[in-house]
C-alpha atoms as a PDB file:
ATOM      1  CA  MET A   1       0.015  -0.068   0.017  1.00  0.00           C
ATOM      2  CA  LEU A   2       1.340   3.425  -0.910  1.00  0.00           C
ATOM      3  CA  PRO A   3       2.137   5.879   1.934  1.00  0.00           C
ATOM      4  CA  LEU A   4      -0.125   9.102   2.357  1.00  0.00           C
ATOM      5  CA  HIS A   5       1.962  12.022   1.194  1.00  0.00           C
ATOM      6  CA  PRO A   6       1.218  15.267  -0.478  1.00  0.00           C
ATOM      7  CA  LEU A   7       3.533  14.281  -3.386  1.00  0.00           C
ATOM      8  CA  LEU A   8       1.181  11.189  -4.015  1.00  0.00           C
ATOM      9  CA  THR A   9      -2.161  12.857  -4.428  1.00  0.00           C
ATOM     10  CA  HIS A  10      -4.168  12.642  -7.608  1.00  0.00           C
ATOM     11  CA  VAL A  11      -2.587   9.264  -8.528  1.00  0.00           C
ATOM     12  CA  VAL A  12      -3.326   8.296 -12.126  1.00  0.00           C
ATOM     13  CA  SER A  13      -1.711   4.799 -11.990  1.00  0.00           C
ATOM     14  CA  GLU A  14       0.725   2.800  -9.837  1.00  0.00           C
ATOM     15  CA  ARG A  15       2.708  -0.420 -10.818  1.00  0.00           C
ATOM     16  CA  GLN A  16       4.408  -2.553  -8.365  1.00  0.00           C
ATOM     17  CA  LEU A  17       8.051  -3.212  -9.437  1.00  0.00           C
ATOM     18  CA  SER A  18      10.635  -5.792  -8.443  1.00  0.00           C
ATOM     19  CA  GLY A  19      12.779  -4.709  -5.452  1.00  0.00           C
ATOM     20  CA  ARG A  20      15.041  -6.062  -2.969  1.00  0.00           C
ATOM     21  CA  SER A  21      13.964  -8.546  -0.235  1.00  0.00           C
ATOM     22  CA  ARG A  22      12.155  -6.556   2.581  1.00  0.00           C
ATOM     23  CA  GLN A  23      11.615  -3.603   0.235  1.00  0.00           C
ATOM     24  CA  ALA A  24       8.568  -2.952  -1.972  1.00  0.00           C
ATOM     25  CA  VAL A  25       8.948  -0.675  -4.977  1.00  0.00           C
ATOM     26  CA  TRP A  26       6.153   1.193  -6.989  1.00  0.00           C
ATOM     27  CA  SER A  27       6.176   3.297 -10.145  1.00  0.00           C
ATOM     28  CA  VAL A  28       3.524   5.887  -9.343  1.00  0.00           C
ATOM     29  CA  LYS A  29       2.144   8.612 -11.881  1.00  0.00           C
ATOM     30  CA  THR A  30       0.237  11.555 -10.802  1.00  0.00           C
ATOM     31  CA  ALA A  31      -1.307  14.178 -12.578  1.00  0.00           C
ATOM     32  CA  THR A  32       1.569  16.282 -12.632  1.00  0.00           C
ATOM     33  CA  ALA A  33       4.804  13.912 -12.112  1.00  0.00           C
ATOM     34  CA  HIS A  34       6.123  10.405 -12.119  1.00  0.00           C
ATOM     35  CA  TYR A  35       7.773   8.949  -8.929  1.00  0.00           C
ATOM     36  CA  ILE A  36       9.359   5.942  -7.784  1.00  0.00           C
ATOM     37  CA  VAL A  37       8.246   5.084  -4.292  1.00  0.00           C
ATOM     38  CA  LYS A  38      10.228   2.566  -1.960  1.00  0.00           C
ATOM     39  CA  VAL A  39       8.935   1.152   1.213  1.00  0.00           C
ATOM     40  CA  VAL A  40      10.403  -1.047   3.835  1.00  0.00           C
ATOM     41  CA  THR A  41       8.388  -2.798   6.712  1.00  0.00           C
ATOM     42  CA  ASP A  42      10.609  -1.276   9.490  1.00  0.00           C
ATOM     43  CA  PRO A  43       9.623   2.002  10.685  1.00  0.00           C
ATOM     44  CA  SER A  44      13.024   2.627  12.509  1.00  0.00           C
ATOM     45  CA  SER A  45      14.910   2.412   9.377  1.00  0.00           C
ATOM     46  CA  ARG A  46      16.836   5.447   8.458  1.00  0.00           C
ATOM     47  CA  GLN A  47      17.945   4.339   4.849  1.00  0.00           C
ATOM     48  CA  TYR A  48      15.722   6.934   3.047  1.00  0.00           C
ATOM     49  CA  GLU A  49      16.876   9.704   5.295  1.00  0.00           C
ATOM     50  CA  ARG A  50      20.568   8.801   4.808  1.00  0.00           C
ATOM     51  CA  GLU A  51      20.266   8.845   1.014  1.00  0.00           C
ATOM     52  CA  ALA A  52      18.375  12.213   1.063  1.00  0.00           C
ATOM     53  CA  ALA A  53      21.044  13.758   3.050  1.00  0.00           C
ATOM     54  CA  LEU A  54      23.753  13.009   0.599  1.00  0.00           C
ATOM     55  CA  ALA A  55      25.411  16.136  -1.079  1.00  0.00           C
ATOM     56  CA  ILE A  56      26.797  14.960  -4.316  1.00  0.00           C
ATOM     57  CA  PRO A  57      28.776  17.317  -6.561  1.00  0.00           C
ATOM     58  CA  LYS A  58      26.525  18.519  -9.679  1.00  0.00           C
ATOM     59  CA  GLN A  59      27.785  17.193 -13.040  1.00  0.00           C
ATOM     60  CA  ALA A  60      26.379  18.510 -16.362  1.00  0.00           C
ATOM     61  CA  GLY A  61      23.755  16.059 -17.728  1.00  0.00           C
ATOM     62  CA  LEU A  62      24.021  13.543 -14.861  1.00  0.00           C
ATOM     63  CA  SER A  63      21.393  12.799 -12.214  1.00  0.00           C
ATOM     64  CA  HIS A  64      21.483  10.932  -9.191  1.00  0.00           C
ATOM     65  CA  ALA A  65      18.452   9.140  -7.815  1.00  0.00           C
ATOM     66  CA  LEU A  66      18.025  10.503  -4.460  1.00  0.00           C
ATOM     67  CA  PRO A  67      14.752  11.134  -2.435  1.00  0.00           C
ATOM     68  CA  LEU A  68      12.768  13.966  -2.852  1.00  0.00           C
ATOM     69  CA  ALA A  69      10.828  13.135   0.287  1.00  0.00           C
ATOM     70  CA  THR A  70      10.996  10.630   3.208  1.00  0.00           C
ATOM     71  CA  GLY A  71       8.726   9.501   5.940  1.00  0.00           C
ATOM     72  CA  ARG A  72       7.396   6.777   8.079  1.00  0.00           C
ATOM     73  CA  THR A  73       4.404   5.330   9.306  1.00  0.00           C
ATOM     74  CA  ALA A  74       3.559   3.079  12.372  1.00  0.00           C
ATOM     75  CA  THR A  75       4.658  -0.093  10.407  1.00  0.00           C
ATOM     76  CA  THR A  76       6.970   1.431   7.560  1.00  0.00           C
ATOM     77  CA  ALA A  77       9.546   3.720   6.367  1.00  0.00           C
ATOM     78  CA  TYR A  78       9.514   5.157   2.830  1.00  0.00           C
ATOM     79  CA  GLY A  79      11.268   7.335   0.180  1.00  0.00           C
ATOM     80  CA  ILE A  80       9.773   9.192  -2.842  1.00  0.00           C
ATOM     81  CA  TYR A  81      12.219   9.469  -5.662  1.00  0.00           C
ATOM     82  CA  PRO A  82      12.083  11.185  -9.008  1.00  0.00           C
ATOM     83  CA  TYR A  83      11.540   8.772 -11.943  1.00  0.00           C
ATOM     84  CA  LEU A  84      14.623   9.071 -14.249  1.00  0.00           C
ATOM     85  CA  PRO A  85      14.111   8.263 -17.912  1.00  0.00           C
ATOM     86  CA  GLY A  86      16.643   6.107 -19.944  1.00  0.00           C
ATOM     87  CA  LYS A  87      17.749   2.624 -20.588  1.00  0.00           C
ATOM     88  CA  THR A  88      20.202   0.745 -18.295  1.00  0.00           C
ATOM     89  CA  VAL A  89      23.783   0.409 -19.500  1.00  0.00           C
ATOM     90  CA  ARG A  90      23.419  -3.349 -19.531  1.00  0.00           C
ATOM     91  CA  SER A  91      20.448  -3.026 -22.154  1.00  0.00           C
ATOM     92  CA  VAL A  92      22.413  -0.526 -24.312  1.00  0.00           C
ATOM     93  CA  LEU A  93      25.572  -2.871 -24.389  1.00  0.00           C
ATOM     94  CA  GLU A  94      23.532  -5.914 -25.113  1.00  0.00           C
ATOM     95  CA  GLU A  95      22.079  -4.140 -28.132  1.00  0.00           C
ATOM     96  CA  SER A  96      24.992  -1.896 -29.063  1.00  0.00           C
ATOM     97  CA  PRO A  97      28.394  -3.197 -27.742  1.00  0.00           C
ATOM     98  CA  GLU A  98      30.203  -0.470 -29.521  1.00  0.00           C
ATOM     99  CA  PHE A  99      29.227   2.055 -26.846  1.00  0.00           C
ATOM    100  CA  ALA A 100      31.226   0.154 -24.292  1.00  0.00           C
ATOM    101  CA  PRO A 101      34.371   2.466 -24.330  1.00  0.00           C
ATOM    102  CA  GLN A 102      32.453   5.754 -24.391  1.00  0.00           C
ATOM    103  CA  LEU A 103      30.041   4.690 -21.706  1.00  0.00           C
ATOM    104  CA  GLY A 104      32.775   3.200 -19.475  1.00  0.00           C
ATOM    105  CA  GLN A 105      34.839   6.393 -19.738  1.00  0.00           C
ATOM    106  CA  GLU A 106      31.935   8.577 -18.779  1.00  0.00           C
ATOM    107  CA  THR A 107      30.991   6.227 -15.765  1.00  0.00           C
ATOM    108  CA  GLY A 108      34.486   6.332 -14.639  1.00  0.00           C
ATOM    109  CA  GLN A 109      34.844  10.185 -14.823  1.00  0.00           C
ATOM    110  CA  ALA A 110      31.430  10.647 -13.211  1.00  0.00           C
ATOM    111  CA  LEU A 111      32.342   8.267 -10.235  1.00  0.00           C
ATOM    112  CA  ARG A 112      35.542  10.252  -9.637  1.00  0.00           C
ATOM    113  CA  ARG A 113      33.336  13.272  -8.752  1.00  0.00           C
ATOM    114  CA  ILE A 114      30.914  11.123  -6.468  1.00  0.00           C
ATOM    115  CA  HIS A 115      34.201  10.140  -4.604  1.00  0.00           C
ATOM    116  CA  ASP A 116      34.952  13.771  -3.841  1.00  0.00           C
ATOM    117  CA  VAL A 117      32.586  13.581  -0.866  1.00  0.00           C
ATOM    118  CA  THR A 118      34.321  13.045   2.270  1.00  0.00           C
ATOM    119  CA  ALA A 119      32.944  10.950   5.147  1.00  0.00           C
ATOM    120  CA  PRO A 120      31.442  12.569   8.240  1.00  0.00           C
ATOM    121  CA  SER A 121      33.989  13.342  10.951  1.00  0.00           C
ATOM    122  CA  GLU A 122      32.623  10.831  13.379  1.00  0.00           C
ATOM    123  CA  MET A 123      32.846   7.812  11.060  1.00  0.00           C
ATOM    124  CA  THR A 124      35.328   5.302  12.023  1.00  0.00           C
ATOM    125  CA  SER A 125      38.262   4.423   9.827  1.00  0.00           C
ATOM    126  CA  TRP A 126      37.821   2.501   6.616  1.00  0.00           C
ATOM    127  CA  SER A 127      40.573  -0.145   7.708  1.00  0.00           C
ATOM    128  CA  GLU A 128      38.621  -0.950  10.930  1.00  0.00           C
ATOM    129  CA  ARG A 129      35.207  -1.267   9.341  1.00  0.00           C
ATOM    130  CA  CYS A 130      36.540  -3.360   6.318  1.00  0.00           C
ATOM    131  CA  GLN A 131      38.553  -5.669   8.262  1.00  0.00           C
ATOM    132  CA  ALA A 132      35.654  -6.324  10.720  1.00  0.00           C
ATOM    133  CA  LYS A 133      33.230  -6.961   7.817  1.00  0.00           C
ATOM    134  CA  HIS A 134      35.628  -9.271   6.306  1.00  0.00           C
ATOM    135  CA  ASP A 135      36.068 -11.215   9.477  1.00  0.00           C
ATOM    136  CA  ARG A 136      32.356 -11.759   9.783  1.00  0.00           C
ATOM    137  CA  TYR A 137      32.341 -13.262   6.339  1.00  0.00           C
ATOM    138  CA  ARG A 138      35.406 -15.288   6.741  1.00  0.00           C
ATOM    139  CA  ALA A 139      33.835 -16.866   9.853  1.00  0.00           C
ATOM    140  CA  ALA A 140      30.842 -18.081   7.804  1.00  0.00           C
ATOM    141  CA  ILE A 141      32.714 -19.487   4.759  1.00  0.00           C
ATOM    142  CA  ASP A 142      33.040 -23.121   5.810  1.00  0.00           C
ATOM    143  CA  GLY A 143      31.475 -25.467   3.222  1.00  0.00           C
ATOM    144  CA  LEU A 144      31.298 -22.761   0.583  1.00  0.00           C
ATOM    145  CA  LEU A 145      34.795 -22.843  -0.744  1.00  0.00           C
ATOM    146  CA  GLU A 146      37.448 -25.513  -0.940  1.00  0.00           C
ATOM    147  CA  PRO A 147      39.713 -25.551   2.138  1.00  0.00           C
ATOM    148  CA  THR A 148      42.661 -25.270   0.045  1.00  0.00           C
ATOM    149  CA  TRP A 149      41.604 -21.732  -1.694  1.00  0.00           C
ATOM    150  CA  ILE A 150      40.521 -20.551   1.809  1.00  0.00           C
ATOM    151  CA  GLU A 151      44.010 -21.115   3.139  1.00  0.00           C
ATOM    152  CA  ARG A 152      45.663 -19.489   0.134  1.00  0.00           C
ATOM    153  CA  LEU A 153      43.202 -16.570   0.166  1.00  0.00           C
ATOM    154  CA  ASP A 154      43.797 -16.134   3.892  1.00  0.00           C
ATOM    155  CA  ARG A 155      47.395 -15.806   3.246  1.00  0.00           C
ATOM    156  CA  PHE A 156      47.242 -13.416   0.588  1.00  0.00           C
ATOM    157  CA  ILE A 157      44.763 -11.159   2.535  1.00  0.00           C
ATOM    158  CA  SER A 158      46.830 -10.957   5.584  1.00  0.00           C
ATOM    159  CA  GLU A 159      49.847  -9.940   3.678  1.00  0.00           C
ATOM    160  CA  ARG A 160      47.838  -7.279   1.885  1.00  0.00           C
ATOM    161  CA  ILE A 161      45.486  -6.033   4.596  1.00  0.00           C
ATOM    162  CA  PRO A 162      47.821  -3.493   6.232  1.00  0.00           C
ATOM    163  CA  LEU A 163      47.440  -1.479   3.103  1.00  0.00           C
ATOM    164  CA  LEU A 164      43.914  -0.550   4.078  1.00  0.00           C
ATOM    165  CA  GLN A 165      45.484   1.775   6.928  1.00  0.00           C
ATOM    166  CA  THR A 166      46.430   4.389   4.361  1.00  0.00           C
ATOM    167  CA  ARG A 167      43.185   4.502   2.385  1.00  0.00           C
ATOM    168  CA  PRO A 168      40.885   7.543   2.645  1.00  0.00           C
ATOM    169  CA  ASN A 169      37.318   7.561   3.922  1.00  0.00           C
ATOM    170  CA  GLN A 170      35.267   9.015   0.923  1.00  0.00           C
ATOM    171  CA  LEU A 171      31.523   8.467  -0.249  1.00  0.00           C
ATOM    172  CA  GLN A 172      31.155   5.037  -1.853  1.00  0.00           C
ATOM    173  CA  HIS A 173      28.291   4.261  -4.117  1.00  0.00           C
ATOM    174  CA  ASP A 174      28.754   0.575  -3.224  1.00  0.00           C
ATOM    175  CA  ASP A 175      26.543  -0.875  -5.910  1.00  0.00           C
ATOM    176  CA  VAL A 176      28.036   0.427  -9.428  1.00  0.00           C
ATOM    177  CA  HIS A 177      26.667  -2.418 -11.646  1.00  0.00           C
ATOM    178  CA  LEU A 178      25.121  -2.025 -15.078  1.00  0.00           C
ATOM    179  CA  ASP A 179      21.537  -1.992 -13.994  1.00  0.00           C
ATOM    180  CA  ASN A 180      22.182   1.049 -11.781  1.00  0.00           C
ATOM    181  CA  LEU A 181      23.638   3.175 -14.617  1.00  0.00           C
ATOM    182  CA  LEU A 182      21.054   4.941 -17.151  1.00  0.00           C
ATOM    183  CA  VAL A 183      21.827   6.133 -20.619  1.00  0.00           C
ATOM    184  CA  GLU A 184      19.905   8.708 -22.514  1.00  0.00           C
ATOM    185  CA  ASP A 185      20.685  10.132 -25.864  1.00  0.00           C
ATOM    186  CA  GLY A 186      23.670   7.943 -26.323  1.00  0.00           C
ATOM    187  CA  HIS A 187      25.386   9.135 -22.909  1.00  0.00           C
ATOM    188  CA  LEU A 188      25.469   8.223 -19.280  1.00  0.00           C
ATOM    189  CA  SER A 189      22.592  10.274 -17.671  1.00  0.00           C
ATOM    190  CA  ALA A 190      21.980   8.727 -14.269  1.00  0.00           C
ATOM    191  CA  PHE A 191      23.362   6.774 -11.166  1.00  0.00           C
ATOM    192  CA  LEU A 192      20.738   4.789  -9.549  1.00  0.00           C
ATOM    193  CA  ASP A 193      20.081   3.213  -6.121  1.00  0.00           C
ATOM    194  CA  TYR A 194      22.376   4.752  -3.368  1.00  0.00           C
ATOM    195  CA  GLY A 195      20.703   2.342  -0.848  1.00  0.00           C
ATOM    196  CA  ASN A 196      24.034   0.691  -0.068  1.00  0.00           C
ATOM    197  CA  HIS A 197      26.103   3.791   0.018  1.00  0.00           C
ATOM    198  CA  ASP A 198      28.955   3.682   2.549  1.00  0.00           C
ATOM    199  CA  TYR A 199      32.220   5.633   3.289  1.00  0.00           C
ATOM    200  CA  GLY A 200      35.565   4.193   2.851  1.00  0.00           C
ATOM    201  CA  ASP A 201      38.294   3.523   0.133  1.00  0.00           C
ATOM    202  CA  PRO A 202      36.754   4.986  -3.132  1.00  0.00           C
ATOM    203  CA  TRP A 203      38.580   2.377  -4.973  1.00  0.00           C
ATOM    204  CA  HIS A 204      36.366  -0.317  -3.555  1.00  0.00           C
ATOM    205  CA  ASP A 205      33.731   0.780  -5.874  1.00  0.00           C
ATOM    206  CA  PHE A 206      35.424  -1.100  -8.568  1.00  0.00           C
ATOM    207  CA  VAL A 207      34.881  -4.627  -6.983  1.00  0.00           C
ATOM    208  CA  LYS A 208      31.457  -4.987  -9.167  1.00  0.00           C
ATOM    209  CA  CYS A 209      33.706  -4.568 -12.338  1.00  0.00           C
ATOM    210  CA  GLY A 210      35.391  -7.936 -11.775  1.00  0.00           C
ATOM    211  CA  LEU A 211      32.394  -9.382 -10.124  1.00  0.00           C
ATOM    212  CA  PHE A 212      29.700  -8.547 -12.480  1.00  0.00           C
ATOM    213  CA  GLN A 213      30.368  -6.210 -15.299  1.00  0.00           C
ATOM    214  CA  VAL A 214      33.059  -8.159 -17.049  1.00  0.00           C
ATOM    215  CA  GLU A 215      30.413 -10.911 -17.726  1.00  0.00           C
ATOM    216  CA  THR A 216      28.550  -8.331 -19.982  1.00  0.00           C
ATOM    217  CA  SER A 217      31.485  -6.181 -21.300  1.00  0.00           C
ATOM    218  CA  PRO A 218      35.012  -6.443 -20.100  1.00  0.00           C
ATOM    219  CA  LEU A 219      35.707  -3.469 -22.467  1.00  0.00           C
ATOM    220  CA  PHE A 220      33.240  -1.332 -20.481  1.00  0.00           C
ATOM    221  CA  ALA A 221      34.844  -2.264 -17.102  1.00  0.00           C
ATOM    222  CA  ARG A 222      38.377  -1.408 -18.542  1.00  0.00           C
ATOM    223  CA  HIS A 223      37.447   1.937 -19.778  1.00  0.00           C
ATOM    224  CA  MET A 224      35.479   2.761 -16.553  1.00  0.00           C
ATOM    225  CA  ILE A 225      38.798   2.178 -14.636  1.00  0.00           C
ATOM    226  CA  GLU A 226      40.800   4.187 -17.144  1.00  0.00           C
ATOM    227  CA  GLY A 227      38.287   6.857 -17.446  1.00  0.00           C
ATOM    228  CA  TYR A 228      38.379   7.334 -13.577  1.00  0.00           C
ATOM    229  CA  PHE A 229      42.346   7.943 -13.630  1.00  0.00           C
ATOM    230  CA  GLU A 230      42.312   9.816 -17.169  1.00  0.00           C
ATOM    231  CA  THR A 231      46.053   9.023 -17.133  1.00  0.00           C
ATOM    232  CA  GLU A 232      47.899   5.653 -16.476  1.00  0.00           C
ATOM    233  CA  VAL A 233      46.173   3.329 -13.922  1.00  0.00           C
ATOM    234  CA  PRO A 234      48.620   3.513 -10.853  1.00  0.00           C
ATOM    235  CA  SER A 235      50.116   0.088  -9.667  1.00  0.00           C
ATOM    236  CA  ASP A 236      48.865   1.105  -6.246  1.00  0.00           C
ATOM    237  CA  PHE A 237      45.153   0.684  -7.365  1.00  0.00           C
ATOM    238  CA  TRP A 238      45.707  -2.770  -8.555  1.00  0.00           C
ATOM    239  CA  ARG A 239      47.305  -3.866  -5.518  1.00  0.00           C
ATOM    240  CA  MET A 240      44.041  -2.506  -3.440  1.00  0.00           C
ATOM    241  CA  TYR A 241      41.925  -3.978  -6.334  1.00  0.00           C
ATOM    242  CA  SER A 242      43.267  -7.514  -5.984  1.00  0.00           C
ATOM    243  CA  LEU A 243      42.763  -7.386  -2.011  1.00  0.00           C
ATOM    244  CA  TYR A 244      39.223  -6.239  -2.550  1.00  0.00           C
ATOM    245  CA  MET A 245      38.751  -8.990  -5.055  1.00  0.00           C
ATOM    246  CA  ALA A 246      40.075 -11.683  -2.611  1.00  0.00           C
ATOM    247  CA  MET A 247      37.898 -10.340  -0.054  1.00  0.00           C
ATOM    248  CA  VAL A 248      34.775 -10.392  -2.299  1.00  0.00           C
ATOM    249  CA  VAL A 249      35.180 -14.113  -2.893  1.00  0.00           C
ATOM    250  CA  PHE A 250      34.185 -14.709   0.935  1.00  0.00           C
ATOM    251  CA  SER A 251      31.566 -12.051   1.066  1.00  0.00           C
ATOM    252  CA  ALA A 252      29.954 -12.922  -2.111  1.00  0.00           C
ATOM    253  CA  LEU A 253      29.516 -16.599  -1.353  1.00  0.00           C
ATOM    254  CA  VAL A 254      28.290 -16.092   2.226  1.00  0.00           C
ATOM    255  CA  TRP A 255      25.831 -13.281   1.052  1.00  0.00           C
ATOM    256  CA  THR A 256      24.467 -15.295  -1.844  1.00  0.00           C
ATOM    257  CA  LYS A 257      23.763 -18.275   0.646  1.00  0.00           C
ATOM    258  CA  ARG A 258      22.122 -16.205   3.091  1.00  0.00           C
ATOM    259  CA  PHE A 259      19.681 -14.052   0.753  1.00  0.00           C
ATOM    260  CA  ASP A 260      19.688 -15.734  -2.680  1.00  0.00           C
ATOM    261  CA  ALA A 261      20.287 -19.405  -2.131  1.00  0.00           C
ATOM    262  CA  ASP A 262      19.094 -20.317  -5.647  1.00  0.00           C
ATOM    263  CA  GLU A 263      22.005 -18.506  -7.367  1.00  0.00           C
ATOM    264  CA  LEU A 264      24.774 -19.948  -5.079  1.00  0.00           C
ATOM    265  CA  GLU A 265      25.936 -22.355  -7.698  1.00  0.00           C
ATOM    266  CA  ALA A 266      26.186 -19.479 -10.164  1.00  0.00           C
ATOM    267  CA  MET A 267      28.327 -17.472  -7.669  1.00  0.00           C
ATOM    268  CA  GLN A 268      30.491 -20.307  -7.050  1.00  0.00           C
ATOM    269  CA  ARG A 269      31.252 -20.354 -10.838  1.00  0.00           C
ATOM    270  CA  ARG A 270      31.685 -16.683 -10.670  1.00  0.00           C
ATOM    271  CA  VAL A 271      34.191 -16.942  -7.928  1.00  0.00           C
ATOM    272  CA  GLN A 272      36.227 -19.507  -9.750  1.00  0.00           C
ATOM    273  CA  ARG A 273      36.406 -17.172 -12.588  1.00  0.00           C
ATOM    274  CA  ILE A 274      37.595 -14.333 -10.176  1.00  0.00           C
ATOM    275  CA  ILE A 275      40.362 -16.667  -8.967  1.00  0.00           C
ATOM    276  CA  GLN A 276      41.499 -17.573 -12.494  1.00  0.00           C
ATOM    277  CA  ASP A 277      41.471 -13.910 -13.564  1.00  0.00           C
ATOM    278  CA  HIS A 278      44.216 -13.208 -11.057  1.00  0.00           C
ATOM    279  CA  ALA A 279      45.921 -16.512 -11.550  1.00  0.00           C
ATOM    280  CA  GLY A 280      45.126 -17.806  -8.068  1.00  0.00           C
ATOM    281  CA  PHE A 281      45.990 -14.256  -6.781  1.00  0.00           C
ATOM    282  CA  GLN A 282      49.512 -14.500  -7.961  1.00  0.00           C
ATOM    283  CA  ARG A 283      48.824 -11.355 -10.246  1.00  0.00           C
ATOM    284  CA  ASP A 284      47.192  -8.192  -9.429  1.00  0.00           C
ATOM    285  CA  ILE A 285      45.920  -7.071 -12.668  1.00  0.00           C
ATOM    286  CA  PRO A 286      43.185  -9.497 -13.897  1.00  0.00           C
ATOM    287  CA  LEU A 287      43.249 -11.183 -17.144  1.00  0.00           C
ATOM    288  CA  TRP A 288      40.028  -9.658 -18.305  1.00  0.00           C
ATOM    289  CA  TYR A 289      41.819  -6.168 -18.259  1.00  0.00           C
ATOM    290  CA  GLU A 290      44.743  -7.159 -20.501  1.00  0.00           C
ATOM    291  CA  THR A 291      43.040  -9.312 -23.075  1.00  0.00           C
END
């Protein structure tokens, strides 16, 4: 059921869309506007207020899907977002793969501006939060990955994890995949879904390149990285990227088992591809980037 709010008067049509577990999503057209309405059945949730408080630097021709209004009822919390037109980057690349270099460059350049936002002063360090999160996933990995690979990855991560201490605390979109990017008139037009946003190492936002994006377009993923740096990609980036990809082997498997168990076999195949891309984590630059 839609929340009662002044923006949602004179509704002409409403259609429920697919959403995350525990979140309902509607497309709502009124006599004067088109909105996306998201609702969770947890009145204590501050997710939408956190998104609404984000102050992302403006970029010409680029929109960010942030709430126009938020609220709560006795049983729910909700956010009302503008409807942003366009096609997802995934659908564009499936139809016209030749757009991959341009859209990848534009995405990397736009992401660089998003990362200009500094974490609130009260935020704990990225190294502390990142390591704590990894430790939780590591504790739940048994039975999901061969013990030999657990041991090898543990060794690799323990050698690299001190690098976290030098990394900055900046805004992370934290879900940069091809369905959260819109294209209009042949150019990147919007970033969707800041619901997972966090603060920490901005380079962590490239994890989805190796986890998901390369399955549709390695060329897009490569140009996204190169567009971000504009010049040569620094070796320090690849050292951090390979650390984060080793960590994501654990988090992806555990998360999928908990929340999307039907996709666990597919995720296990994806994890094996990641391990192969990094030659068992004996190389930092993945094979998909250089081929």
